[in-house]
C-alpha atoms as a PDB file:
ATOM      1  CA  UNK A   1      38.633 -19.918  33.025  1.00  0.00           C
ATOM      2  CA  UNK A   2      39.923 -18.047  36.187  1.00  0.00           C
ATOM      3  CA  UNK A   3      38.225 -14.783  37.328  1.00  0.00           C
ATOM      4  CA  UNK A   4      40.517 -12.010  36.998  1.00  0.00           C
ATOM      5  CA  UNK A   5      40.643  -9.100  39.793  1.00  0.00           C
ATOM      6  CA  UNK A   6      42.255  -5.987  39.264  1.00  0.00           C
ATOM      7  CA  UNK A   7      44.180  -4.680  42.403  1.00  0.00           C
ATOM      8  CA  UNK A   8      44.163  -1.491  43.304  1.00  0.00           C
ATOM      9  CA  UNK A   9      45.620  -0.705  46.971  1.00  0.00           C
ATOM     10  CA  UNK A  10      43.967   1.862  48.782  1.00  0.00           C
ATOM     11  CA  UNK A  11      46.052   2.578  51.914  1.00  0.00           C
ATOM     12  CA  UNK A  12      44.141   3.869  55.155  1.00  0.00           C
ATOM     13  CA  UNK A  13      46.996   5.517  57.173  1.00  0.00           C
ATOM     14  CA  UNK A  14      44.998   6.268  60.172  1.00  0.00           C
ATOM     15  CA  UNK A  15      44.148   2.712  61.225  1.00  0.00           C
ATOM     16  CA  UNK A  16      46.993   1.216  59.395  1.00  0.00           C
ATOM     17  CA  UNK A  17      44.450  -0.997  57.538  1.00  0.00           C
ATOM     18  CA  UNK A  18      45.563  -1.769  53.852  1.00  0.00           C
ATOM     19  CA  UNK A  19      42.249  -1.826  51.686  1.00  0.00           C
ATOM     20  CA  UNK A  20      41.978  -3.020  48.048  1.00  0.00           C
ATOM     21  CA  UNK A  21      39.184  -2.188  45.418  1.00  0.00           C
ATOM     22  CA  UNK A  22      38.780  -5.316  43.274  1.00  0.00           C
ATOM     23  CA  UNK A  23      36.793  -5.029  40.044  1.00  0.00           C
ATOM     24  CA  UNK A  24      35.346  -8.085  38.668  1.00  0.00           C
ATOM     25  CA  UNK A  25      34.944  -9.155  34.817  1.00  0.00           C
ATOM     26  CA  UNK A  26      31.700  -7.133  34.735  1.00  0.00           C
ATOM     27  CA  UNK A  27      33.125  -3.657  36.135  1.00  0.00           C
ATOM     28  CA  UNK A  28      31.703  -4.365  39.589  1.00  0.00           C
ATOM     29  CA  UNK A  29      34.039  -2.771  42.244  1.00  0.00           C
ATOM     30  CA  UNK A  30      34.274  -4.392  45.782  1.00  0.00           C
ATOM     31  CA  UNK A  31      36.316  -3.164  48.857  1.00  0.00           C
ATOM     32  CA  UNK A  32      38.314  -5.742  50.619  1.00  0.00           C
ATOM     33  CA  UNK A  33      40.733  -5.709  53.914  1.00  0.00           C
ATOM     34  CA  UNK A  34      44.045  -7.416  53.411  1.00  0.00           C
ATOM     35  CA  UNK A  35      44.264 -10.194  56.086  1.00  0.00           C
ATOM     36  CA  UNK A  36      47.829 -11.146  54.877  1.00  0.00           C
ATOM     37  CA  UNK A  37      49.614 -12.566  52.415  1.00  0.00           C
ATOM     38  CA  UNK A  38      52.245 -15.651  51.745  1.00  0.00           C
ATOM     39  CA  UNK A  39      54.467 -17.480  49.257  1.00  0.00           C
ATOM     40  CA  UNK A  40      54.001 -20.932  48.390  1.00  0.00           C
ATOM     41  CA  UNK A  41      55.900 -22.593  45.491  1.00  0.00           C
ATOM     42  CA  UNK A  42      57.044 -19.238  43.963  1.00  0.00           C
ATOM     43  CA  UNK A  43      53.436 -17.945  43.894  1.00  0.00           C
ATOM     44  CA  UNK A  44      52.123 -14.867  46.084  1.00  0.00           C
ATOM     45  CA  UNK A  45      48.495 -15.254  47.562  1.00  0.00           C
ATOM     46  CA  UNK A  46      46.383 -12.675  49.379  1.00  0.00           C
ATOM     47  CA  UNK A  47      43.797 -13.188  52.015  1.00  0.00           C
ATOM     48  CA  UNK A  48      41.371 -10.640  51.890  1.00  0.00           C
ATOM     49  CA  UNK A  49      38.094 -10.155  53.767  1.00  0.00           C
ATOM     50  CA  UNK A  50      35.019  -7.756  52.385  1.00  0.00           C
ATOM     51  CA  UNK A  51      35.468  -4.521  53.976  1.00  0.00           C
ATOM     52  CA  UNK A  52      31.949  -4.188  54.722  1.00  0.00           C
ATOM     53  CA  UNK A  53      31.208  -7.231  57.151  1.00  0.00           C
ATOM     54  CA  UNK A  54      34.189  -6.508  59.583  1.00  0.00           C
ATOM     55  CA  UNK A  55      32.086  -9.371  61.961  1.00  0.00           C
ATOM     56  CA  UNK A  56      32.580 -12.548  59.182  1.00  0.00           C
ATOM     57  CA  UNK A  57      34.970 -14.845  59.807  1.00  0.00           C
ATOM     58  CA  UNK A  58      35.096 -15.748  56.130  1.00  0.00           C
ATOM     59  CA  UNK A  59      38.039 -14.434  53.862  1.00  0.00           C
ATOM     60  CA  UNK A  60      39.033 -14.743  50.193  1.00  0.00           C
ATOM     61  CA  UNK A  61      42.057 -16.204  48.574  1.00  0.00           C
ATOM     62  CA  UNK A  62      43.263 -15.041  45.730  1.00  0.00           C
ATOM     63  CA  UNK A  63      46.565 -15.915  43.981  1.00  0.00           C
ATOM     64  CA  UNK A  64      48.616 -12.826  42.258  1.00  0.00           C
ATOM     65  CA  UNK A  65      49.511 -12.872  38.810  1.00  0.00           C
ATOM     66  CA  UNK A  66      50.996 -10.279  36.310  1.00  0.00           C
ATOM     67  CA  UNK A  67      49.713  -9.388  32.971  1.00  0.00           C
ATOM     68  CA  UNK A  68      51.479  -8.496  29.960  1.00  0.00           C
ATOM     69  CA  UNK A  69      51.590  -4.722  30.910  1.00  0.00           C
ATOM     70  CA  UNK A  70      52.965  -5.525  34.392  1.00  0.00           C
ATOM     71  CA  UNK A  71      50.087  -5.084  36.313  1.00  0.00           C
ATOM     72  CA  UNK A  72      49.347  -7.259  39.304  1.00  0.00           C
ATOM     73  CA  UNK A  73      45.811  -9.166  38.917  1.00  0.00           C
ATOM     74  CA  UNK A  74      44.456 -11.180  41.465  1.00  0.00           C
ATOM     75  CA  UNK A  75      42.751 -14.339  40.354  1.00  0.00           C
ATOM     76  CA  UNK A  76      40.580 -17.305  41.605  1.00  0.00           C
ATOM     77  CA  UNK A  77      42.712 -20.502  42.483  1.00  0.00           C
ATOM     78  CA  UNK A  78      40.605 -23.071  40.558  1.00  0.00           C
ATOM     79  CA  UNK A  79      42.719 -26.093  41.246  1.00  0.00           C
ATOM     80  CA  UNK A  80      41.824 -27.833  44.291  1.00  0.00           C
ATOM     81  CA  UNK A  81      44.739 -29.020  45.760  1.00  0.00           C
ATOM     82  CA  UNK A  82      46.478 -25.728  45.437  1.00  0.00           C
ATOM     83  CA  UNK A  83      43.684 -23.884  47.357  1.00  0.00           C
ATOM     84  CA  UNK A  84      43.505 -26.477  50.472  1.00  0.00           C
ATOM     85  CA  UNK A  85      47.286 -25.928  50.678  1.00  0.00           C
ATOM     86  CA  UNK A  86      47.358 -22.251  50.530  1.00  0.00           C
ATOM     87  CA  UNK A  87      44.261 -22.088  52.674  1.00  0.00           C
ATOM     88  CA  UNK A  88      46.019 -24.400  55.439  1.00  0.00           C
ATOM     89  CA  UNK A  89      48.580 -21.805  55.497  1.00  0.00           C
ATOM     90  CA  UNK A  90      46.617 -18.826  56.014  1.00  0.00           C
ATOM     91  CA  UNK A  91      44.307 -20.768  58.337  1.00  0.00           C
ATOM     92  CA  UNK A  92      47.524 -21.417  60.646  1.00  0.00           C
ATOM     93  CA  UNK A  93      48.539 -17.575  60.040  1.00  0.00           C
ATOM     94  CA  UNK A  94      45.704 -16.063  60.709  1.00  0.00           C
ATOM     95  CA  UNK A  95      44.081 -18.330  63.684  1.00  0.00           C
ATOM     96  CA  UNK A  96      46.534 -20.732  64.485  1.00  0.00           C
ATOM     97  CA  UNK A  97      47.188 -18.367  67.872  1.00  0.00           C
ATOM     98  CA  UNK A  98      43.585 -18.154  68.968  1.00  0.00           C
ATOM     99  CA  UNK A  99      43.122 -20.461  72.068  1.00  0.00           C
ATOM    100  CA  UNK A 100      39.837 -21.583  71.335  1.00  0.00           C
ATOM    101  CA  UNK A 101      39.198 -22.652  75.412  1.00  0.00           C
ATOM    102  CA  UNK A 102      39.416 -18.811  76.292  1.00  0.00           C
ATOM    103  CA  UNK A 103      36.662 -18.225  73.844  1.00  0.00           C
ATOM    104  CA  UNK A 104      33.658 -18.630  75.244  1.00  0.00           C
END
């Protein structure tokens, strides 16, 4: 079963950084920074990075789903093909413009 996470936006207007507090099934809260969203096959996906580790290049991808009350939940992607397809989209969007030769 997919791990559901409640989605609560916390917008920081000073830096224009959109942060989210995700709550796992055990009630533990985690802060994430929104890197981007994308739509694929009628689904919306969020790329989020941990707010407490700004140097990390790792991020998570979660699918948005609406519960019976109309609340947006972010769920893990269990299907490997779906995850690979969406992660390729985010990799191109988020890191596609980086010239690796200029890093160094």
